[in-house]
Amino acid sequence: MTTYLYEQDLVPQKYRILIALWHDKLVRQIAQELGVPVQELRRFLIEHLDMIQLENLPARAEVAEAQADLGDTVARALGREKYTLYLQFLSGAAMDAIFREVNARIQEGIPIEDAIAYGRTQIREALKS
């Protein structure tokens, strides 16, 4: 009987991709940036991204660093385009809601660093759901 690749459990293959040199370095960097454990981020990536997205993570991250949110320091600090458009970790709607909350906090007089920390907390929560 023939078994097709899409019928197989791809978790071991996805894990092998994520522990490759460039991928591991990127995952560790993102985990530190977001304040999440590396294994938790790897699990999220395995569950939510397909093989092609995983393979292309380092290239997408490199482009995001060069081009994402160049005109907006708050959006860049949050990774607004990085995590939605380039790496595709979050939906645009989820990130827009987080971004609006952060901007509202800044408008209320909360320091930018504190508002961004709040936004990253919200990103962590969005990744868990």
Protein backbone atom coordinates (compact mmCIF):
# COMPACT_ATOMS: atom_id res chain seq x y z
CA MET A 1 0.00 0.00 0.00
CA THR A 2 1.24 3.46 -0.87
CA THR A 3 1.49 6.09 1.83
CA TYR A 4 1.54 9.69 0.82
CA LEU A 5 3.68 12.34 2.43
CA TYR A 6 0.67 14.43 3.42
CA GLU A 7 -0.65 11.46 5.39
CA GLN A 8 2.50 11.23 7.50
CA ASP A 9 3.27 13.03 10.72
CA LEU A 10 5.68 15.78 9.69
CA VAL A 11 6.68 16.84 13.20
CA PRO A 12 10.10 15.11 13.12
CA GLN A 13 10.91 16.66 9.74
CA LYS A 14 9.78 20.10 10.86
CA TYR A 15 11.83 19.77 14.04
CA ARG A 16 14.93 18.89 11.98
CA ILE A 17 14.43 22.06 9.97
CA LEU A 18 14.15 24.17 13.12
CA ILE A 19 17.33 22.82 14.69
CA ALA A 20 19.43 23.48 11.59
CA LEU A 21 22.10 26.13 12.18
CA TRP A 22 20.43 29.22 10.65
CA HIS A 23 16.96 28.25 11.78
CA ASP A 24 18.06 27.53 15.34
CA LYS A 25 19.84 30.87 15.57
CA LEU A 26 16.73 32.67 14.29
CA VAL A 27 14.34 30.80 16.58
CA ARG A 28 16.52 31.60 19.60
CA GLN A 29 16.67 35.27 18.59
CA ILE A 30 12.89 35.52 18.18
CA ALA A 31 12.27 33.63 21.42
CA GLN A 32 14.50 36.06 23.28
CA GLU A 33 12.86 39.04 21.56
CA LEU A 34 9.38 37.87 22.54
CA GLY A 35 10.36 36.49 25.94
CA VAL A 36 9.19 32.93 25.30
CA PRO A 37 11.04 29.65 25.85
CA VAL A 38 12.74 28.31 22.71
CA GLN A 39 10.91 24.97 22.88
CA GLU A 40 7.56 26.73 23.19
CA LEU A 41 8.29 28.80 20.08
CA ARG A 42 9.46 25.71 18.20
CA ARG A 43 6.24 23.93 19.11
CA PHE A 44 4.19 26.89 17.87
CA LEU A 45 6.10 26.96 14.58
CA ILE A 46 5.72 23.22 14.06
CA GLU A 47 1.99 23.39 14.71
CA HIS A 48 1.21 26.53 12.69
CA LEU A 49 3.64 26.72 9.76
CA ASP A 50 4.04 24.37 6.85
CA MET A 51 7.33 22.93 5.59
CA ILE A 52 7.89 25.65 2.98
CA GLN A 53 7.33 28.43 5.49
CA LEU A 54 9.74 26.78 7.92
CA GLU A 55 12.40 26.32 5.26
CA ASN A 56 12.19 29.99 4.29
CA LEU A 57 12.18 31.49 7.80
CA PRO A 58 15.78 32.79 7.76
CA ALA A 59 15.38 34.44 4.36
CA ARG A 60 12.05 35.99 5.35
CA ALA A 61 13.53 37.26 8.61
CA GLU A 62 16.44 38.81 6.75
CA VAL A 63 14.09 40.67 4.41
CA ALA A 64 11.96 41.73 7.39
CA GLU A 65 15.00 43.21 9.12
CA ALA A 66 15.81 45.21 5.99
CA GLN A 67 12.31 46.34 5.00
CA ALA A 68 9.67 45.92 7.70
CA ASP A 69 8.12 48.98 9.37
CA LEU A 70 10.91 51.36 8.40
CA GLY A 71 8.91 54.52 9.04
CA ASP A 72 7.37 53.62 12.39
CA THR A 73 9.59 52.91 15.39
CA VAL A 74 6.75 51.52 17.53
CA ALA A 75 5.60 49.14 14.77
CA ARG A 76 9.19 48.04 14.18
CA ALA A 77 9.78 47.43 17.89
CA LEU A 78 6.63 45.30 18.02
CA GLY A 79 7.48 43.49 14.79
CA ARG A 80 4.18 44.48 13.21
CA GLU A 81 5.08 43.58 9.62
CA LYS A 82 7.79 41.11 10.64
CA TYR A 83 5.40 38.77 12.46
CA THR A 84 2.44 39.18 10.09
CA LEU A 85 3.61 39.87 6.56
CA TYR A 86 7.05 38.28 6.53
CA LEU A 87 7.14 35.45 9.09
CA GLN A 88 3.37 34.90 9.22
CA PHE A 89 3.20 34.05 12.93
CA LEU A 90 0.11 36.18 13.57
CA SER A 91 -2.86 37.33 11.55
CA GLY A 92 -2.94 40.93 10.43
CA ALA A 93 -6.14 41.51 12.41
CA ALA A 94 -4.57 40.24 15.65
CA MET A 95 -1.48 42.37 15.21
CA ASP A 96 -3.52 45.44 14.25
CA ALA A 97 -5.52 45.09 17.47
CA ILE A 98 -2.31 44.83 19.50
CA PHE A 99 -0.80 47.79 17.66
CA ARG A 100 -3.89 49.93 18.31
CA GLU A 101 -3.77 49.06 22.03
CA VAL A 102 -0.09 49.99 22.22
CA ASN A 103 -0.68 53.29 20.43
CA ALA A 104 -3.62 54.04 22.74
CA ARG A 105 -1.39 53.46 25.76
CA ILE A 106 1.26 55.79 24.33
CA GLN A 107 -1.41 58.45 23.73
CA GLU A 108 -2.47 58.08 27.38
CA GLY A 109 1.06 59.02 28.45
CA ILE A 110 2.47 55.59 29.23
CA PRO A 111 6.19 55.46 28.33
CA ILE A 112 6.88 53.94 24.91
CA GLU A 113 9.06 51.17 26.38
CA ASP A 114 6.27 50.11 28.74
CA ALA A 115 3.68 50.19 25.96
CA ILE A 116 5.91 48.06 23.74
CA ALA A 117 6.49 45.60 26.60
CA TYR A 118 2.71 45.36 26.97
CA GLY A 119 2.42 44.76 23.21
CA ARG A 120 4.97 41.95 23.35
CA THR A 121 3.00 40.38 26.19
CA GLN A 122 -0.07 40.52 23.98
CA ILE A 123 1.89 38.93 21.11
CA ARG A 124 2.94 36.10 23.45
CA GLU A 125 -0.68 35.57 24.44
CA ALA A 126 -1.77 35.57 20.79
CA LEU A 127 0.85 32.93 19.99
CA LYS A 128 -0.49 30.71 22.78
CA SER A 129 -4.07 30.88 21.55
